[in-house]
């Protein structure tokens, strides 16, 4: 769309804001908005949430737990302030259980045959999401609502938390490769926390965009690939926890090299330099040489572990390319 520049006074030039955009974001006379200069562009942003995404209604009647989860999560990530869930089916249970010691005992039981009701599923999903709560609940519907506002500062804090969790996962795996597997049992919980912050970051990007709006799509991709690395650690832990085989010296060296690549990438993300990008690519070539050196001596099980490590390496390379894109 085009706008005509209007001269007011001796030195003031103004343009009008599109009325549809102003209505969508609730911009009124006297409000303050942010204007950022970017080369030949002026980027106008508001902190207010769009009313267009204020509320959505989902009907989950007849949906299995997996789809209930997917629909609610997608609405959350899209940035809706309020999610009204209808069509919640009744349950044969005579009493709903809160999350307490008796629930934990039930979940630990190997012979439990009582399925969770849809309401319990919705409650469990809500508990996993950052910044929202169930504020209204009746027999066949409930309302999940955002408490507080999302902002760029909260996004940056959540992203930093994702990197911290990723390093925690790498440390848990390093212990396992050194024959200390006790903490592998925690990997699923640790990775769930990574997923929580990933969902929150996607939500903020969809609601407000990244602080430099033109880089929002790149940041979406960065968040996605960080989560994929977490998934590979989770799958690697699953492979390792059920075996008594001890990793060979070569396998330990390969893992250590990939762990150091993750640390290099995090350092690059927060303190970019061309030299650091060059170092990551040089180290990737050295890791390939290291794998070729030990490949013939690796066991079948170690080759399974290597599959996940190589995917982690590929994701780190992609993340490095995305961070280079961010500089332009």
C-alpha atoms as a PDB file:
ATOM      1  CA  UNK A   1       0.000   0.000   0.000  1.00  0.00           C
ATOM      2  CA  UNK A   2       1.115   3.558  -0.658  1.00  0.00           C
ATOM      3  CA  UNK A   3       0.738   6.620   1.566  1.00  0.00           C
ATOM      4  CA  UNK A   4       1.184  10.261   0.609  1.00  0.00           C
ATOM      5  CA  UNK A   5       3.637  12.332   2.665  1.00  0.00           C
ATOM      6  CA  UNK A   6       1.994  15.452   4.139  1.00  0.00           C
ATOM      7  CA  UNK A   7       3.937  18.549   5.134  1.00  0.00           C
ATOM      8  CA  UNK A   8       2.943  20.175   8.417  1.00  0.00           C
ATOM      9  CA  UNK A   9       4.729  23.334   9.485  1.00  0.00           C
ATOM     10  CA  UNK A  10       8.265  24.065   8.297  1.00  0.00           C
ATOM     11  CA  UNK A  11      10.121  20.818   9.092  1.00  0.00           C
ATOM     12  CA  UNK A  12       7.477  18.169   9.915  1.00  0.00           C
ATOM     13  CA  UNK A  13       6.439  15.425   7.487  1.00  0.00           C
ATOM     14  CA  UNK A  14       3.613  13.019   8.378  1.00  0.00           C
ATOM     15  CA  UNK A  15       1.850   9.996   6.879  1.00  0.00           C
ATOM     16  CA  UNK A  16      -1.426   8.375   7.891  1.00  0.00           C
ATOM     17  CA  UNK A  17      -1.679   4.946   9.532  1.00  0.00           C
ATOM     18  CA  UNK A  18      -3.982   2.420   7.783  1.00  0.00           C
ATOM     19  CA  UNK A  19      -7.293   2.357   9.672  1.00  0.00           C
ATOM     20  CA  UNK A  20      -7.622  -1.453   9.552  1.00  0.00           C
ATOM     21  CA  UNK A  21      -4.189  -1.845  11.140  1.00  0.00           C
ATOM     22  CA  UNK A  22      -4.996   0.756  13.809  1.00  0.00           C
ATOM     23  CA  UNK A  23      -8.289  -0.989  14.684  1.00  0.00           C
ATOM     24  CA  UNK A  24      -6.681  -4.428  14.779  1.00  0.00           C
ATOM     25  CA  UNK A  25      -4.112  -3.311  17.349  1.00  0.00           C
ATOM     26  CA  UNK A  26      -6.336  -0.838  19.181  1.00  0.00           C
ATOM     27  CA  UNK A  27      -4.222   2.202  18.288  1.00  0.00           C
ATOM     28  CA  UNK A  28      -5.978   5.461  19.178  1.00  0.00           C
ATOM     29  CA  UNK A  29      -5.126   9.153  19.120  1.00  0.00           C
ATOM     30  CA  UNK A  30      -2.623   9.956  21.863  1.00  0.00           C
ATOM     31  CA  UNK A  31      -1.171   6.414  22.027  1.00  0.00           C
ATOM     32  CA  UNK A  32       2.589   5.937  21.818  1.00  0.00           C
ATOM     33  CA  UNK A  33       4.050   3.628  19.177  1.00  0.00           C
ATOM     34  CA  UNK A  34       7.634   2.612  18.437  1.00  0.00           C
ATOM     35  CA  UNK A  35       9.247   3.680  15.165  1.00  0.00           C
ATOM     36  CA  UNK A  36      12.536   2.017  14.192  1.00  0.00           C
ATOM     37  CA  UNK A  37      14.805   3.098  11.349  1.00  0.00           C
ATOM     38  CA  UNK A  38      16.181   0.266   9.213  1.00  0.00           C
ATOM     39  CA  UNK A  39      18.036   1.453   6.113  1.00  0.00           C
ATOM     40  CA  UNK A  40      15.299   2.653   3.722  1.00  0.00           C
ATOM     41  CA  UNK A  41      12.515   1.319   5.949  1.00  0.00           C
ATOM     42  CA  UNK A  42      10.604   2.666   8.942  1.00  0.00           C
ATOM     43  CA  UNK A  43       9.192  -0.128  11.118  1.00  0.00           C
ATOM     44  CA  UNK A  44       6.169   0.794  13.260  1.00  0.00           C
ATOM     45  CA  UNK A  45       5.396  -1.537  16.175  1.00  0.00           C
ATOM     46  CA  UNK A  46       2.960  -1.640  19.075  1.00  0.00           C
ATOM     47  CA  UNK A  47       3.130  -3.628  22.295  1.00  0.00           C
ATOM     48  CA  UNK A  48      -0.598  -4.267  22.369  1.00  0.00           C
ATOM     49  CA  UNK A  49      -1.890  -7.690  21.441  1.00  0.00           C
ATOM     50  CA  UNK A  50      -4.025  -8.019  18.353  1.00  0.00           C
ATOM     51  CA  UNK A  51      -7.754  -8.255  19.094  1.00  0.00           C
ATOM     52  CA  UNK A  52      -8.070 -10.532  16.081  1.00  0.00           C
ATOM     53  CA  UNK A  53      -6.310 -13.228  18.097  1.00  0.00           C
ATOM     54  CA  UNK A  54      -8.000 -12.445  21.395  1.00  0.00           C
ATOM     55  CA  UNK A  55     -10.163 -15.583  21.562  1.00  0.00           C
ATOM     56  CA  UNK A  56     -10.693 -18.881  19.768  1.00  0.00           C
ATOM     57  CA  UNK A  57     -13.148 -21.723  20.411  1.00  0.00           C
ATOM     58  CA  UNK A  58     -12.090 -25.358  19.995  1.00  0.00           C
ATOM     59  CA  UNK A  59     -14.523 -28.268  19.974  1.00  0.00           C
ATOM     60  CA  UNK A  60     -12.685 -31.415  21.077  1.00  0.00           C
ATOM     61  CA  UNK A  61     -15.668 -33.783  21.086  1.00  0.00           C
ATOM     62  CA  UNK A  62     -14.563 -37.234  19.947  1.00  0.00           C
ATOM     63  CA  UNK A  63     -10.892 -36.305  19.645  1.00  0.00           C
ATOM     64  CA  UNK A  64      -8.238 -38.638  21.101  1.00  0.00           C
ATOM     65  CA  UNK A  65      -5.761 -37.264  23.641  1.00  0.00           C
ATOM     66  CA  UNK A  66      -3.045 -36.773  21.024  1.00  0.00           C
ATOM     67  CA  UNK A  67      -5.237 -34.498  18.890  1.00  0.00           C
ATOM     68  CA  UNK A  68      -6.615 -32.615  21.911  1.00  0.00           C
ATOM     69  CA  UNK A  69      -3.005 -31.853  22.782  1.00  0.00           C
ATOM     70  CA  UNK A  70      -2.158 -30.769  19.216  1.00  0.00           C
ATOM     71  CA  UNK A  71      -5.134 -28.422  18.792  1.00  0.00           C
ATOM     72  CA  UNK A  72      -4.675 -26.662  22.138  1.00  0.00           C
ATOM     73  CA  UNK A  73      -0.906 -26.337  21.639  1.00  0.00           C
ATOM     74  CA  UNK A  74      -1.368 -24.898  18.137  1.00  0.00           C
ATOM     75  CA  UNK A  75      -3.818 -22.268  19.428  1.00  0.00           C
ATOM     76  CA  UNK A  76      -1.406 -21.388  22.234  1.00  0.00           C
ATOM     77  CA  UNK A  77       1.552 -21.054  19.885  1.00  0.00           C
ATOM     78  CA  UNK A  78      -0.501 -18.957  17.460  1.00  0.00           C
ATOM     79  CA  UNK A  79      -0.821 -16.361  20.232  1.00  0.00           C
ATOM     80  CA  UNK A  80      -4.484 -16.447  21.276  1.00  0.00           C
ATOM     81  CA  UNK A  81      -5.102 -14.710  24.599  1.00  0.00           C
ATOM     82  CA  UNK A  82      -8.085 -16.913  25.437  1.00  0.00           C
ATOM     83  CA  UNK A  83      -8.844 -20.486  24.346  1.00  0.00           C
ATOM     84  CA  UNK A  84     -12.397 -21.690  24.973  1.00  0.00           C
ATOM     85  CA  UNK A  85     -12.633 -25.481  24.826  1.00  0.00           C
ATOM     86  CA  UNK A  86     -16.039 -27.009  24.198  1.00  0.00           C
ATOM     87  CA  UNK A  87     -17.304 -30.542  23.710  1.00  0.00           C
ATOM     88  CA  UNK A  88     -15.462 -31.969  26.701  1.00  0.00           C
ATOM     89  CA  UNK A  89     -16.877 -35.445  27.125  1.00  0.00           C
ATOM     90  CA  UNK A  90     -18.090 -36.835  30.408  1.00  0.00           C
ATOM     91  CA  UNK A  91     -16.175 -39.526  32.231  1.00  0.00           C
ATOM     92  CA  UNK A  92     -17.131 -42.738  33.973  1.00  0.00           C
ATOM     93  CA  UNK A  93     -14.847 -41.782  36.827  1.00  0.00           C
ATOM     94  CA  UNK A  94     -16.582 -40.973  40.087  1.00  0.00           C
ATOM     95  CA  UNK A  95     -13.840 -38.574  41.218  1.00  0.00           C
ATOM     96  CA  UNK A  96     -11.187 -36.525  39.471  1.00  0.00           C
ATOM     97  CA  UNK A  97      -7.715 -36.664  40.961  1.00  0.00           C
ATOM     98  CA  UNK A  98      -5.583 -33.618  41.611  1.00  0.00           C
ATOM     99  CA  UNK A  99      -1.861 -33.889  40.986  1.00  0.00           C
ATOM    100  CA  UNK A 100      -0.657 -35.113  44.360  1.00  0.00           C
ATOM    101  CA  UNK A 101       1.120 -38.066  45.904  1.00  0.00           C
ATOM    102  CA  UNK A 102      -1.739 -40.442  45.075  1.00  0.00           C
ATOM    103  CA  UNK A 103      -1.613 -39.360  41.412  1.00  0.00           C
ATOM    104  CA  UNK A 104       2.117 -40.052  41.348  1.00  0.00           C
ATOM    105  CA  UNK A 105       1.538 -43.495  42.796  1.00  0.00           C
ATOM    106  CA  UNK A 106      -1.116 -44.118  40.130  1.00  0.00           C
ATOM    107  CA  UNK A 107       1.202 -43.033  37.322  1.00  0.00           C
ATOM    108  CA  UNK A 108       3.943 -45.286  38.698  1.00  0.00           C
ATOM    109  CA  UNK A 109       1.649 -48.294  38.755  1.00  0.00           C
ATOM    110  CA  UNK A 110       2.263 -50.793  35.957  1.00  0.00           C
ATOM    111  CA  UNK A 111      -1.221 -52.280  36.022  1.00  0.00           C
ATOM    112  CA  UNK A 112      -3.394 -49.149  36.033  1.00  0.00           C
ATOM    113  CA  UNK A 113      -6.288 -49.454  33.586  1.00  0.00           C
ATOM    114  CA  UNK A 114      -8.098 -46.169  34.253  1.00  0.00           C
ATOM    115  CA  UNK A 115      -7.787 -43.762  31.347  1.00  0.00           C
ATOM    116  CA  UNK A 116      -7.544 -40.018  31.904  1.00  0.00           C
ATOM    117  CA  UNK A 117     -10.735 -38.113  31.191  1.00  0.00           C
ATOM    118  CA  UNK A 118     -10.737 -35.313  28.608  1.00  0.00           C
ATOM    119  CA  UNK A 119     -10.921 -32.723  31.386  1.00  0.00           C
ATOM    120  CA  UNK A 120      -7.838 -34.204  33.042  1.00  0.00           C
ATOM    121  CA  UNK A 121      -6.055 -34.160  29.674  1.00  0.00           C
ATOM    122  CA  UNK A 122      -6.924 -30.471  29.169  1.00  0.00           C
ATOM    123  CA  UNK A 123      -5.728 -29.699  32.708  1.00  0.00           C
ATOM    124  CA  UNK A 124      -2.439 -31.527  32.129  1.00  0.00           C
ATOM    125  CA  UNK A 125      -1.864 -29.609  28.880  1.00  0.00           C
ATOM    126  CA  UNK A 126      -2.650 -26.279  30.525  1.00  0.00           C
ATOM    127  CA  UNK A 127      -0.188 -27.007  33.338  1.00  0.00           C
ATOM    128  CA  UNK A 128       2.569 -27.519  30.762  1.00  0.00           C
ATOM    129  CA  UNK A 129       2.049 -24.180  28.994  1.00  0.00           C
ATOM    130  CA  UNK A 130       3.879 -21.068  30.178  1.00  0.00           C
ATOM    131  CA  UNK A 131       1.849 -18.008  31.168  1.00  0.00           C
ATOM    132  CA  UNK A 132      -1.713 -19.390  30.935  1.00  0.00           C
ATOM    133  CA  UNK A 133      -4.198 -20.916  33.364  1.00  0.00           C
ATOM    134  CA  UNK A 134      -7.708 -22.418  33.345  1.00  0.00           C
ATOM    135  CA  UNK A 135      -9.886 -19.567  34.643  1.00  0.00           C
ATOM    136  CA  UNK A 136     -13.363 -21.052  34.102  1.00  0.00           C
ATOM    137  CA  UNK A 137     -14.477 -24.666  34.170  1.00  0.00           C
ATOM    138  CA  UNK A 138     -17.899 -26.281  33.814  1.00  0.00           C
ATOM    139  CA  UNK A 139     -19.075 -29.787  32.994  1.00  0.00           C
ATOM    140  CA  UNK A 140     -18.489 -29.705  29.237  1.00  0.00           C
ATOM    141  CA  UNK A 141     -16.295 -26.645  28.649  1.00  0.00           C
ATOM    142  CA  UNK A 142     -13.422 -24.660  30.102  1.00  0.00           C
ATOM    143  CA  UNK A 143     -11.503 -21.468  29.321  1.00  0.00           C
ATOM    144  CA  UNK A 144      -7.716 -21.207  29.209  1.00  0.00           C
ATOM    145  CA  UNK A 145      -6.527 -17.604  29.466  1.00  0.00           C
ATOM    146  CA  UNK A 146      -3.227 -15.773  29.345  1.00  0.00           C
ATOM    147  CA  UNK A 147      -2.207 -14.132  32.615  1.00  0.00           C
ATOM    148  CA  UNK A 148      -0.031 -11.094  31.995  1.00  0.00           C
ATOM    149  CA  UNK A 149       1.572  -9.825  28.798  1.00  0.00           C
ATOM    150  CA  UNK A 150       4.255 -11.302  26.561  1.00  0.00           C
ATOM    151  CA  UNK A 151       7.190  -9.095  25.608  1.00  0.00           C
ATOM    152  CA  UNK A 152      10.563  -9.134  23.855  1.00  0.00           C
ATOM    153  CA  UNK A 153      12.296  -9.215  27.254  1.00  0.00           C
ATOM    154  CA  UNK A 154      10.401 -12.370  28.247  1.00  0.00           C
ATOM    155  CA  UNK A 155      11.272 -13.888  24.864  1.00  0.00           C
ATOM    156  CA  UNK A 156      14.995 -13.264  25.390  1.00  0.00           C
ATOM    157  CA  UNK A 157      14.833 -14.742  28.895  1.00  0.00           C
ATOM    158  CA  UNK A 158      13.030 -17.847  27.607  1.00  0.00           C
ATOM    159  CA  UNK A 159      15.506 -18.265  24.741  1.00  0.00           C
ATOM    160  CA  UNK A 160      18.436 -18.018  27.137  1.00  0.00           C
ATOM    161  CA  UNK A 161      16.726 -20.643  29.285  1.00  0.00           C
ATOM    162  CA  UNK A 162      16.503 -22.941  26.240  1.00  0.00           C
ATOM    163  CA  UNK A 163      20.266 -22.710  25.757  1.00  0.00           C
ATOM    164  CA  UNK A 164      20.870 -23.464  29.449  1.00  0.00           C
ATOM    165  CA  UNK A 165      18.633 -26.550  29.254  1.00  0.00           C
ATOM    166  CA  UNK A 166      20.378 -27.668  26.047  1.00  0.00           C
ATOM    167  CA  UNK A 167      23.729 -27.514  27.859  1.00  0.00           C
ATOM    168  CA  UNK A 168      22.190 -29.468  30.758  1.00  0.00           C
ATOM    169  CA  UNK A 169      21.103 -32.197  28.337  1.00  0.00           C
ATOM    170  CA  UNK A 170      24.603 -32.338  26.864  1.00  0.00           C
ATOM    171  CA  UNK A 171      26.106 -32.697  30.355  1.00  0.00           C
ATOM    172  CA  UNK A 172      23.692 -35.519  31.221  1.00  0.00           C
ATOM    173  CA  UNK A 173      24.732 -37.319  28.029  1.00  0.00           C
ATOM    174  CA  UNK A 174      28.431 -36.725  28.766  1.00  0.00           C
ATOM    175  CA  UNK A 175      27.969 -38.449  32.125  1.00  0.00           C
ATOM    176  CA  UNK A 176      26.308 -41.368  30.325  1.00  0.00           C
ATOM    177  CA  UNK A 177      29.184 -41.662  27.870  1.00  0.00           C
ATOM    178  CA  UNK A 178      31.465 -41.850  30.894  1.00  0.00           C
ATOM    179  CA  UNK A 179      29.381 -44.751  32.273  1.00  0.00           C
ATOM    180  CA  UNK A 180      27.329 -42.701  34.747  1.00  0.00           C
ATOM    181  CA  UNK A 181      23.788 -43.281  33.504  1.00  0.00           C
ATOM    182  CA  UNK A 182      21.776 -42.383  36.598  1.00  0.00           C
ATOM    183  CA  UNK A 183      20.585 -39.025  35.263  1.00  0.00           C
ATOM    184  CA  UNK A 184      19.468 -40.422  31.904  1.00  0.00           C
ATOM    185  CA  UNK A 185      16.127 -41.132  33.586  1.00  0.00           C
ATOM    186  CA  UNK A 186      15.643 -37.381  33.939  1.00  0.00           C
ATOM    187  CA  UNK A 187      16.192 -36.613  30.257  1.00  0.00           C
ATOM    188  CA  UNK A 188      12.511 -36.768  29.323  1.00  0.00           C
ATOM    189  CA  UNK A 189      11.635 -34.260  32.063  1.00  0.00           C
ATOM    190  CA  UNK A 190      14.515 -31.964  31.111  1.00  0.00           C
ATOM    191  CA  UNK A 191      13.503 -32.072  27.444  1.00  0.00           C
ATOM    192  CA  UNK A 192       9.879 -31.314  28.368  1.00  0.00           C
ATOM    193  CA  UNK A 193      11.116 -28.082  29.968  1.00  0.00           C
ATOM    194  CA  UNK A 194      12.963 -27.259  26.751  1.00  0.00           C
ATOM    195  CA  UNK A 195       9.717 -27.832  24.823  1.00  0.00           C
ATOM    196  CA  UNK A 196       7.801 -25.542  27.197  1.00  0.00           C
ATOM    197  CA  UNK A 197      10.140 -22.629  26.531  1.00  0.00           C
ATOM    198  CA  UNK A 198      10.152 -23.404  22.809  1.00  0.00           C
ATOM    199  CA  UNK A 199       6.344 -23.178  22.705  1.00  0.00           C
ATOM    200  CA  UNK A 200       6.440 -19.923  24.661  1.00  0.00           C
ATOM    201  CA  UNK A 201       9.043 -18.408  22.307  1.00  0.00           C
ATOM    202  CA  UNK A 202       6.970 -19.370  19.254  1.00  0.00           C
ATOM    203  CA  UNK A 203       3.916 -17.815  20.929  1.00  0.00           C
ATOM    204  CA  UNK A 204       5.734 -14.512  21.525  1.00  0.00           C
ATOM    205  CA  UNK A 205       7.032 -14.433  17.943  1.00  0.00           C
ATOM    206  CA  UNK A 206       3.532 -15.031  16.572  1.00  0.00           C
ATOM    207  CA  UNK A 207       2.005 -12.374  18.831  1.00  0.00           C
ATOM    208  CA  UNK A 208       4.625  -9.626  18.701  1.00  0.00           C
ATOM    209  CA  UNK A 209       7.346 -10.644  16.267  1.00  0.00           C
ATOM    210  CA  UNK A 210      11.063 -10.502  17.057  1.00  0.00           C
ATOM    211  CA  UNK A 211      12.544  -7.198  18.283  1.00  0.00           C
ATOM    212  CA  UNK A 212      13.925  -6.705  14.762  1.00  0.00           C
ATOM    213  CA  UNK A 213      10.739  -7.629  12.934  1.00  0.00           C
ATOM    214  CA  UNK A 214      12.413  -8.523   9.614  1.00  0.00           C
ATOM    215  CA  UNK A 215      14.342 -11.279  11.408  1.00  0.00           C
ATOM    216  CA  UNK A 216      11.230 -12.940  12.881  1.00  0.00           C
ATOM    217  CA  UNK A 217      11.156 -15.840  10.327  1.00  0.00           C
ATOM    218  CA  UNK A 218      14.854 -16.588  10.960  1.00  0.00           C
ATOM    219  CA  UNK A 219      14.285 -16.625  14.715  1.00  0.00           C
ATOM    220  CA  UNK A 220      11.358 -19.039  14.217  1.00  0.00           C
ATOM    221  CA  UNK A 221      13.769 -21.412  12.475  1.00  0.00           C
ATOM    222  CA  UNK A 222      16.442 -21.031  15.169  1.00  0.00           C
ATOM    223  CA  UNK A 223      13.936 -21.966  17.895  1.00  0.00           C
ATOM    224  CA  UNK A 224      12.795 -24.962  15.829  1.00  0.00           C
ATOM    225  CA  UNK A 225      16.314 -26.375  15.348  1.00  0.00           C
ATOM    226  CA  UNK A 226      17.258 -25.892  19.009  1.00  0.00           C
ATOM    227  CA  UNK A 227      14.240 -28.033  19.899  1.00  0.00           C
ATOM    228  CA  UNK A 228      15.301 -30.650  17.328  1.00  0.00           C
ATOM    229  CA  UNK A 229      18.700 -30.974  19.029  1.00  0.00           C
ATOM    230  CA  UNK A 230      16.878 -31.565  22.329  1.00  0.00           C
ATOM    231  CA  UNK A 231      14.832 -34.304  20.662  1.00  0.00           C
ATOM    232  CA  UNK A 232      17.994 -36.028  19.435  1.00  0.00           C
ATOM    233  CA  UNK A 233      19.432 -35.981  22.965  1.00  0.00           C
ATOM    234  CA  UNK A 234      16.186 -37.501  24.243  1.00  0.00           C
ATOM    235  CA  UNK A 235      16.283 -40.294  21.648  1.00  0.00           C
ATOM    236  CA  UNK A 236      19.969 -40.903  22.344  1.00  0.00           C
ATOM    237  CA  UNK A 237      19.204 -41.223  26.056  1.00  0.00           C
ATOM    238  CA  UNK A 238      16.445 -43.719  25.260  1.00  0.00           C
ATOM    239  CA  UNK A 239      18.916 -45.859  23.294  1.00  0.00           C
ATOM    240  CA  UNK A 240      21.587 -45.740  25.996  1.00  0.00           C
ATOM    241  CA  UNK A 241      19.523 -46.270  29.140  1.00  0.00           C
ATOM    242  CA  UNK A 242      18.534 -49.846  28.293  1.00  0.00           C
ATOM    243  CA  UNK A 243      21.979 -51.177  27.440  1.00  0.00           C
ATOM    244  CA  UNK A 244      24.905 -52.297  29.574  1.00  0.00           C
ATOM    245  CA  UNK A 245      27.374 -51.711  26.770  1.00  0.00           C
ATOM    246  CA  UNK A 246      30.092 -49.243  27.689  1.00  0.00           C
ATOM    247  CA  UNK A 247      31.024 -46.610  25.105  1.00  0.00           C
ATOM    248  CA  UNK A 248      34.433 -47.061  23.539  1.00  0.00           C
ATOM    249  CA  UNK A 249      37.179 -44.479  23.760  1.00  0.00           C
ATOM    250  CA  UNK A 250      36.515 -43.425  20.162  1.00  0.00           C
ATOM    251  CA  UNK A 251      32.791 -43.017  20.812  1.00  0.00           C
ATOM    252  CA  UNK A 252      33.475 -40.838  23.840  1.00  0.00           C
ATOM    253  CA  UNK A 253      35.804 -38.649  21.783  1.00  0.00           C
ATOM    254  CA  UNK A 254      33.156 -38.193  19.079  1.00  0.00           C
ATOM    255  CA  UNK A 255      30.513 -37.193  21.619  1.00  0.00           C
ATOM    256  CA  UNK A 256      32.872 -34.737  23.318  1.00  0.00           C
ATOM    257  CA  UNK A 257      33.551 -33.086  19.958  1.00  0.00           C
ATOM    258  CA  UNK A 258      29.832 -32.589  19.291  1.00  0.00           C
ATOM    259  CA  UNK A 259      29.259 -31.234  22.800  1.00  0.00           C
ATOM    260  CA  UNK A 260      31.972 -28.646  22.226  1.00  0.00           C
ATOM    261  CA  UNK A 261      30.279 -27.667  18.949  1.00  0.00           C
ATOM    262  CA  UNK A 262      27.096 -26.868  20.860  1.00  0.00           C
ATOM    263  CA  UNK A 263      29.070 -24.650  23.228  1.00  0.00           C
ATOM    264  CA  UNK A 264      30.732 -22.912  20.272  1.00  0.00           C
ATOM    265  CA  UNK A 265      27.365 -22.214  18.691  1.00  0.00           C
ATOM    266  CA  UNK A 266      25.879 -20.707  21.860  1.00  0.00           C
ATOM    267  CA  UNK A 267      28.914 -18.462  22.161  1.00  0.00           C
ATOM    268  CA  UNK A 268      28.510 -17.460  18.497  1.00  0.00           C
ATOM    269  CA  UNK A 269      24.821 -16.647  18.970  1.00  0.00           C
ATOM    270  CA  UNK A 270      25.473 -14.131  21.730  1.00  0.00           C
ATOM    271  CA  UNK A 271      28.870 -12.829  20.534  1.00  0.00           C
ATOM    272  CA  UNK A 272      28.971 -13.115  16.758  1.00  0.00           C
ATOM    273  CA  UNK A 273      32.222 -12.978  14.807  1.00  0.00           C
ATOM    274  CA  UNK A 274      33.388 -14.292  11.453  1.00  0.00           C
ATOM    275  CA  UNK A 275      36.262 -16.077  13.164  1.00  0.00           C
ATOM    276  CA  UNK A 276      33.822 -18.079  15.310  1.00  0.00           C
ATOM    277  CA  UNK A 277      31.800 -19.181  12.265  1.00  0.00           C
ATOM    278  CA  UNK A 278      35.024 -20.255  10.580  1.00  0.00           C
ATOM    279  CA  UNK A 279      36.010 -22.225  13.685  1.00  0.00           C
ATOM    280  CA  UNK A 280      32.675 -24.087  13.774  1.00  0.00           C
ATOM    281  CA  UNK A 281      33.060 -25.205  10.160  1.00  0.00           C
ATOM    282  CA  UNK A 282      36.694 -26.195  10.688  1.00  0.00           C
ATOM    283  CA  UNK A 283      35.744 -28.235  13.744  1.00  0.00           C
ATOM    284  CA  UNK A 284      32.920 -29.900  11.793  1.00  0.00           C
ATOM    285  CA  UNK A 285      35.483 -31.111   9.247  1.00  0.00           C
ATOM    286  CA  UNK A 286      37.676 -32.424  12.090  1.00  0.00           C
ATOM    287  CA  UNK A 287      34.688 -34.292  13.578  1.00  0.00           C
ATOM    288  CA  UNK A 288      34.086 -35.959  10.202  1.00  0.00           C
ATOM    289  CA  UNK A 289      37.725 -37.049  10.150  1.00  0.00           C
ATOM    290  CA  UNK A 290      37.417 -38.302  13.741  1.00  0.00           C
ATOM    291  CA  UNK A 291      34.342 -40.373  12.817  1.00  0.00           C
ATOM    292  CA  UNK A 292      36.125 -41.868   9.807  1.00  0.00           C
ATOM    293  CA  UNK A 293      39.064 -42.780  12.033  1.00  0.00           C
ATOM    294  CA  UNK A 294      36.950 -44.746  14.529  1.00  0.00           C
ATOM    295  CA  UNK A 295      34.029 -45.870  12.338  1.00  0.00           C
ATOM    296  CA  UNK A 296      35.253 -49.403  11.603  1.00  0.00           C
ATOM    297  CA  UNK A 297      35.791 -50.114  15.320  1.00  0.00           C
ATOM    298  CA  UNK A 298      32.344 -48.948  16.470  1.00  0.00           C
ATOM    299  CA  UNK A 299      29.814 -51.560  17.539  1.00  0.00           C
ATOM    300  CA  UNK A 300      26.327 -51.833  16.066  1.00  0.00           C
ATOM    301  CA  UNK A 301      24.879 -50.083  19.098  1.00  0.00           C
ATOM    302  CA  UNK A 302      27.460 -47.309  18.909  1.00  0.00           C
ATOM    303  CA  UNK A 303      26.486 -46.742  15.278  1.00  0.00           C
ATOM    304  CA  UNK A 304      22.923 -46.163  16.503  1.00  0.00           C
ATOM    305  CA  UNK A 305      24.235 -43.550  18.929  1.00  0.00           C
ATOM    306  CA  UNK A 306      26.336 -42.003  16.173  1.00  0.00           C
ATOM    307  CA  UNK A 307      23.230 -41.567  14.000  1.00  0.00           C
ATOM    308  CA  UNK A 308      21.736 -39.153  16.563  1.00  0.00           C
ATOM    309  CA  UNK A 309      25.023 -37.342  17.111  1.00  0.00           C
ATOM    310  CA  UNK A 310      25.459 -36.743  13.374  1.00  0.00           C
ATOM    311  CA  UNK A 311      21.955 -35.258  13.226  1.00  0.00           C
ATOM    312  CA  UNK A 312      22.897 -32.939  16.110  1.00  0.00           C
ATOM    313  CA  UNK A 313      25.973 -31.883  14.127  1.00  0.00           C
ATOM    314  CA  UNK A 314      23.835 -31.202  11.061  1.00  0.00           C
ATOM    315  CA  UNK A 315      21.438 -29.076  13.117  1.00  0.00           C
ATOM    316  CA  UNK A 316      24.350 -27.065  14.561  1.00  0.00           C
ATOM    317  CA  UNK A 317      25.558 -26.313  11.034  1.00  0.00           C
ATOM    318  CA  UNK A 318      22.073 -25.161  10.059  1.00  0.00           C
ATOM    319  CA  UNK A 319      21.851 -22.979  13.171  1.00  0.00           C
ATOM    320  CA  UNK A 320      25.220 -21.434  12.315  1.00  0.00           C
ATOM    321  CA  UNK A 321      23.933 -20.558   8.834  1.00  0.00           C
ATOM    322  CA  UNK A 322      20.813 -18.996  10.359  1.00  0.00           C
ATOM    323  CA  UNK A 323      22.875 -16.869  12.744  1.00  0.00           C
ATOM    324  CA  UNK A 324      24.929 -15.650   9.764  1.00  0.00           C
ATOM    325  CA  UNK A 325      21.624 -14.754   8.066  1.00  0.00           C
ATOM    326  CA  UNK A 326      20.693 -12.759  11.184  1.00  0.00           C
ATOM    327  CA  UNK A 327      23.658 -10.450  10.598  1.00  0.00           C
ATOM    328  CA  UNK A 328      22.204  -9.233   7.306  1.00  0.00           C
END
